[in-house]
Amino acid sequence: MSKKLYVGNLAFTATEDDLRNAFAAYTTTSAKIITDRETGRSRGFAFVEVEDGDKAITEMNGKDLAGRKLTVNEAREREPRGPRQGGSGGGYRQDDRQGGGYNRY
């Protein structure tokens, strides 16, 4: 059974092929570097799916890849987020309460 691993402290120059090659001994199923949605630049971590996950964690954690020591752990499911809170609180209100905005008085 394959296991999904978190790979942290990844060099920004590392590619998904570099990851696949580094984890090839553990039968890599997939490798995905997480990128910033605005710039497309690597965020410095990735997820790798391998067949022999426990062995990959013990052997690859702390190993050097592209000049940086990797942090390798078993990936956890993303915690659910609640509804978004906040808002600016400004704006015009049509009832008797006073709202924010520029022309308040």
N, C-alpha and C. Protein backbone atom coordinates (compact mmCIF):
# COMPACT_ATOMS: atom_id res chain seq x y z
N MET A 1 0.85 -1.18 0.00
CA MET A 1 0.00 0.00 0.00
C MET A 1 0.89 1.24 0.00
N SER A 2 0.56 2.21 -0.82
CA SER A 2 1.38 3.41 -0.92
C SER A 2 1.08 4.36 0.23
N LYS A 3 2.07 5.18 0.54
CA LYS A 3 1.96 6.14 1.63
C LYS A 3 2.35 7.51 1.12
N LYS A 4 1.57 8.52 1.49
CA LYS A 4 1.84 9.89 1.06
C LYS A 4 2.74 10.55 2.10
N LEU A 5 3.84 11.14 1.62
CA LEU A 5 4.82 11.76 2.50
C LEU A 5 4.90 13.26 2.27
N TYR A 6 5.13 13.99 3.35
CA TYR A 6 5.42 15.42 3.28
C TYR A 6 6.93 15.57 3.22
N VAL A 7 7.41 16.36 2.26
CA VAL A 7 8.85 16.64 2.13
C VAL A 7 9.03 18.14 2.29
N GLY A 8 9.65 18.55 3.38
CA GLY A 8 9.84 19.96 3.67
C GLY A 8 11.29 20.38 3.53
N ASN A 9 11.55 21.69 3.65
CA ASN A 9 12.86 22.31 3.51
C ASN A 9 13.46 22.01 2.14
N LEU A 10 12.61 22.03 1.15
CA LEU A 10 12.99 21.71 -0.22
C LEU A 10 13.62 22.93 -0.87
N ALA A 11 14.70 22.73 -1.60
CA ALA A 11 15.34 23.84 -2.31
C ALA A 11 14.36 24.38 -3.36
N PHE A 12 14.36 25.69 -3.54
CA PHE A 12 13.44 26.31 -4.50
C PHE A 12 13.78 25.93 -5.94
N THR A 13 15.00 25.44 -6.16
CA THR A 13 15.42 25.04 -7.50
C THR A 13 15.09 23.58 -7.80
N ALA A 14 14.65 22.82 -6.79
CA ALA A 14 14.35 21.40 -6.97
C ALA A 14 13.13 21.24 -7.88
N THR A 15 13.16 20.18 -8.68
CA THR A 15 12.05 19.89 -9.58
C THR A 15 11.37 18.58 -9.16
N GLU A 16 10.21 18.32 -9.74
CA GLU A 16 9.51 17.07 -9.44
C GLU A 16 10.33 15.86 -9.91
N ASP A 17 11.08 16.01 -10.99
CA ASP A 17 11.96 14.93 -11.44
C ASP A 17 13.07 14.66 -10.42
N ASP A 18 13.61 15.72 -9.80
CA ASP A 18 14.62 15.54 -8.74
C ASP A 18 14.04 14.73 -7.59
N LEU A 19 12.80 15.04 -7.22
CA LEU A 19 12.15 14.29 -6.14
C LEU A 19 11.93 12.83 -6.51
N ARG A 20 11.42 12.61 -7.71
CA ARG A 20 11.19 11.23 -8.16
C ARG A 20 12.49 10.43 -8.14
N ASN A 21 13.58 11.06 -8.60
CA ASN A 21 14.88 10.37 -8.61
C ASN A 21 15.38 10.11 -7.20
N ALA A 22 15.21 11.07 -6.28
CA ALA A 22 15.67 10.91 -4.91
C ALA A 22 14.91 9.80 -4.18
N PHE A 23 13.62 9.65 -4.49
CA PHE A 23 12.79 8.66 -3.83
C PHE A 23 12.57 7.41 -4.69
N ALA A 24 13.33 7.25 -5.75
CA ALA A 24 13.14 6.13 -6.68
C ALA A 24 13.32 4.77 -6.02
N ALA A 25 14.20 4.68 -5.04
CA ALA A 25 14.45 3.40 -4.38
C ALA A 25 13.24 2.90 -3.59
N TYR A 26 12.27 3.77 -3.34
CA TYR A 26 11.09 3.43 -2.55
C TYR A 26 9.84 3.30 -3.42
N THR A 27 10.03 3.12 -4.72
CA THR A 27 8.95 2.98 -5.70
C THR A 27 7.99 4.17 -5.65
N THR A 28 8.45 5.27 -6.21
CA THR A 28 7.68 6.52 -6.22
C THR A 28 6.48 6.40 -7.15
N THR A 29 5.30 6.70 -6.62
CA THR A 29 4.08 6.70 -7.41
C THR A 29 3.82 8.08 -8.01
N SER A 30 4.00 9.14 -7.17
CA SER A 30 3.80 10.50 -7.65
C SER A 30 4.64 11.47 -6.82
N ALA A 31 4.90 12.64 -7.40
CA ALA A 31 5.63 13.70 -6.71
C ALA A 31 5.03 15.03 -7.14
N LYS A 32 4.70 15.88 -6.18
CA LYS A 32 4.06 17.16 -6.48
C LYS A 32 4.67 18.25 -5.60
N ILE A 33 5.35 19.22 -6.24
CA ILE A 33 5.88 20.37 -5.53
C ILE A 33 4.77 21.41 -5.46
N ILE A 34 4.56 21.95 -4.28
CA ILE A 34 3.51 22.94 -4.06
C ILE A 34 4.06 24.32 -4.44
N THR A 35 3.31 25.03 -5.27
CA THR A 35 3.77 26.33 -5.76
C THR A 35 2.82 27.43 -5.31
N ASP A 36 3.34 28.64 -5.28
CA ASP A 36 2.56 29.82 -4.95
C ASP A 36 1.61 30.11 -6.12
N ARG A 37 0.34 30.33 -5.83
CA ARG A 37 -0.62 30.53 -6.93
C ARG A 37 -0.44 31.86 -7.63
N GLU A 38 0.16 32.84 -6.97
CA GLU A 38 0.37 34.16 -7.59
C GLU A 38 1.60 34.16 -8.50
N THR A 39 2.72 33.63 -7.98
CA THR A 39 3.99 33.73 -8.70
C THR A 39 4.38 32.44 -9.44
N GLY A 40 3.82 31.31 -9.02
CA GLY A 40 4.19 30.04 -9.61
C GLY A 40 5.50 29.49 -9.06
N ARG A 41 6.10 30.19 -8.09
CA ARG A 41 7.37 29.77 -7.49
C ARG A 41 7.11 28.71 -6.43
N SER A 42 8.07 27.81 -6.25
CA SER A 42 7.97 26.76 -5.24
C SER A 42 7.80 27.37 -3.86
N ARG A 43 6.98 26.73 -3.02
CA ARG A 43 6.81 27.18 -1.64
C ARG A 43 7.75 26.45 -0.69
N GLY A 44 8.59 25.58 -1.21
CA GLY A 44 9.61 24.92 -0.40
C GLY A 44 9.19 23.61 0.22
N PHE A 45 8.05 23.06 -0.22
CA PHE A 45 7.66 21.74 0.25
C PHE A 45 6.93 21.00 -0.85
N ALA A 46 6.81 19.69 -0.65
CA ALA A 46 6.20 18.84 -1.67
C ALA A 46 5.54 17.64 -1.01
N PHE A 47 4.79 16.89 -1.82
CA PHE A 47 4.21 15.63 -1.38
C PHE A 47 4.66 14.56 -2.35
N VAL A 48 5.12 13.44 -1.79
CA VAL A 48 5.59 12.32 -2.60
C VAL A 48 4.83 11.08 -2.14
N GLU A 49 4.36 10.31 -3.09
CA GLU A 49 3.67 9.07 -2.76
C GLU A 49 4.59 7.91 -3.12
N VAL A 50 4.88 7.06 -2.12
CA VAL A 50 5.81 5.94 -2.32
C VAL A 50 5.19 4.65 -1.78
N GLU A 51 5.71 3.53 -2.25
CA GLU A 51 5.24 2.23 -1.80
C GLU A 51 5.79 1.88 -0.41
N ASP A 52 7.08 2.13 -0.18
CA ASP A 52 7.72 1.79 1.09
C ASP A 52 7.92 3.05 1.91
N GLY A 53 6.83 3.56 2.48
CA GLY A 53 6.84 4.85 3.15
C GLY A 53 7.65 4.91 4.42
N ASP A 54 7.54 3.89 5.27
CA ASP A 54 8.27 3.91 6.55
C ASP A 54 9.78 3.91 6.32
N LYS A 55 10.22 3.11 5.39
CA LYS A 55 11.65 3.06 5.07
C LYS A 55 12.11 4.39 4.46
N ALA A 56 11.29 4.99 3.61
CA ALA A 56 11.63 6.27 3.00
C ALA A 56 11.75 7.36 4.05
N ILE A 57 10.86 7.36 5.04
CA ILE A 57 10.92 8.36 6.10
C ILE A 57 12.23 8.24 6.88
N THR A 58 12.56 7.03 7.31
CA THR A 58 13.76 6.86 8.13
C THR A 58 15.04 7.14 7.36
N GLU A 59 15.08 6.78 6.09
CA GLU A 59 16.30 6.96 5.32
C GLU A 59 16.45 8.34 4.69
N MET A 60 15.35 8.99 4.34
CA MET A 60 15.43 10.27 3.63
C MET A 60 15.34 11.48 4.55
N ASN A 61 14.83 11.33 5.76
CA ASN A 61 14.73 12.45 6.69
C ASN A 61 16.15 12.91 7.06
N GLY A 62 16.45 14.17 6.79
CA GLY A 62 17.77 14.72 7.08
C GLY A 62 18.77 14.57 5.94
N LYS A 63 18.37 13.88 4.88
CA LYS A 63 19.27 13.69 3.73
C LYS A 63 19.36 14.98 2.92
N ASP A 64 20.51 15.21 2.32
CA ASP A 64 20.77 16.42 1.55
C ASP A 64 20.23 16.27 0.11
N LEU A 65 19.47 17.27 -0.33
CA LEU A 65 19.01 17.33 -1.71
C LEU A 65 19.15 18.77 -2.18
N ALA A 66 19.98 18.99 -3.18
CA ALA A 66 20.22 20.32 -3.75
C ALA A 66 20.70 21.31 -2.69
N GLY A 67 21.54 20.82 -1.78
CA GLY A 67 22.15 21.70 -0.78
C GLY A 67 21.32 21.95 0.47
N ARG A 68 20.19 21.27 0.64
CA ARG A 68 19.35 21.46 1.83
C ARG A 68 18.98 20.12 2.43
N LYS A 69 18.93 20.06 3.75
CA LYS A 69 18.55 18.83 4.45
C LYS A 69 17.03 18.70 4.47
N LEU A 70 16.55 17.61 3.93
CA LEU A 70 15.11 17.39 3.81
C LEU A 70 14.47 17.04 5.16
N THR A 71 13.23 17.44 5.31
CA THR A 71 12.38 17.00 6.42
C THR A 71 11.31 16.12 5.79
N VAL A 72 11.29 14.85 6.21
CA VAL A 72 10.34 13.90 5.62
C VAL A 72 9.48 13.31 6.73
N ASN A 73 8.18 13.47 6.59
CA ASN A 73 7.19 12.94 7.54
C ASN A 73 6.03 12.34 6.76
N GLU A 74 5.23 11.55 7.47
CA GLU A 74 4.00 11.07 6.86
C GLU A 74 3.04 12.26 6.73
N ALA A 75 2.44 12.41 5.57
CA ALA A 75 1.53 13.53 5.33
C ALA A 75 0.26 13.35 6.14
N ARG A 76 -0.26 14.46 6.65
CA ARG A 76 -1.53 14.45 7.38
C ARG A 76 -2.59 15.09 6.50
N GLU A 77 -3.83 14.69 6.75
CA GLU A 77 -4.95 15.30 6.04
C GLU A 77 -5.06 16.76 6.46
N ARG A 78 -5.43 17.59 5.53
CA ARG A 78 -5.61 19.02 5.82
C ARG A 78 -6.78 19.19 6.78
N GLU A 79 -6.57 19.99 7.82
CA GLU A 79 -7.63 20.22 8.79
C GLU A 79 -8.70 21.10 8.15
N PRO A 80 -9.99 20.77 8.40
CA PRO A 80 -11.05 21.58 7.80
C PRO A 80 -11.04 22.99 8.37
N ARG A 81 -11.26 23.94 7.51
CA ARG A 81 -11.31 25.34 7.92
C ARG A 81 -12.76 25.73 8.12
N GLY A 82 -12.98 26.61 9.08
CA GLY A 82 -14.33 27.11 9.33
C GLY A 82 -14.66 28.20 8.31
N PRO A 83 -15.83 28.76 8.45
CA PRO A 83 -16.19 29.85 7.53
C PRO A 83 -15.28 31.05 7.75
N ARG A 84 -15.09 31.82 6.72
CA ARG A 84 -14.24 33.00 6.82
C ARG A 84 -14.88 34.02 7.74
N GLN A 85 -14.09 34.61 8.58
CA GLN A 85 -14.56 35.60 9.53
C GLN A 85 -14.14 36.99 9.08
N GLY A 86 -14.79 37.97 9.60
CA GLY A 86 -14.32 39.33 9.41
C GLY A 86 -15.04 40.08 8.32
N GLY A 87 -14.33 40.98 7.76
CA GLY A 87 -14.88 41.92 6.81
C GLY A 87 -14.44 43.30 7.26
N SER A 88 -14.62 44.27 6.45
CA SER A 88 -14.10 45.59 6.80
C SER A 88 -14.99 46.32 7.79
N GLY A 89 -16.27 46.05 7.83
CA GLY A 89 -17.17 46.73 8.75
C GLY A 89 -17.59 48.11 8.28
N GLY A 90 -17.05 48.54 7.18
CA GLY A 90 -17.40 49.87 6.67
C GLY A 90 -18.59 49.80 5.75
N GLY A 91 -18.86 50.91 5.10
CA GLY A 91 -19.95 50.95 4.13
C GLY A 91 -21.15 51.69 4.66
N TYR A 92 -22.09 51.90 3.80
CA TYR A 92 -23.29 52.67 4.13
C TYR A 92 -24.41 51.73 4.55
N ARG A 93 -25.12 52.11 5.61
CA ARG A 93 -26.27 51.32 6.04
C ARG A 93 -27.51 52.18 5.92
N GLN A 94 -28.58 51.60 5.47
CA GLN A 94 -29.79 52.37 5.23
C GLN A 94 -30.71 52.43 6.44
N ASP A 95 -30.42 51.66 7.50
CA ASP A 95 -31.27 51.76 8.68
C ASP A 95 -30.76 52.86 9.61
N ASP A 96 -31.26 52.92 10.83
CA ASP A 96 -30.90 54.02 11.72
C ASP A 96 -29.51 53.87 12.35
N ARG A 97 -28.86 52.76 12.15
CA ARG A 97 -27.49 52.61 12.67
C ARG A 97 -26.55 53.34 11.74
N GLN A 98 -25.48 53.86 12.30
CA GLN A 98 -24.51 54.57 11.47
C GLN A 98 -23.49 53.58 10.93
N GLY A 99 -23.20 53.69 9.68
CA GLY A 99 -22.20 52.87 9.07
C GLY A 99 -20.92 53.64 8.87
N GLY A 100 -19.93 52.97 8.36
CA GLY A 100 -18.65 53.62 8.09
C GLY A 100 -18.70 54.32 6.76
N GLY A 101 -17.58 54.57 6.19
CA GLY A 101 -17.51 55.21 4.89
C GLY A 101 -16.91 56.60 5.00
N TYR A 102 -16.73 57.24 3.87
CA TYR A 102 -16.06 58.53 3.84
C TYR A 102 -16.98 59.69 4.23
N ASN A 103 -18.15 59.76 3.68
CA ASN A 103 -19.07 60.87 3.92
C ASN A 103 -20.05 60.53 5.03
N ARG A 104 -19.51 60.33 6.20
CA ARG A 104 -20.32 59.87 7.32
C ARG A 104 -21.10 61.00 7.96
N TYR A 105 -20.58 62.22 7.97
CA TYR A 105 -21.25 63.33 8.67
C TYR A 105 -21.73 64.37 7.71
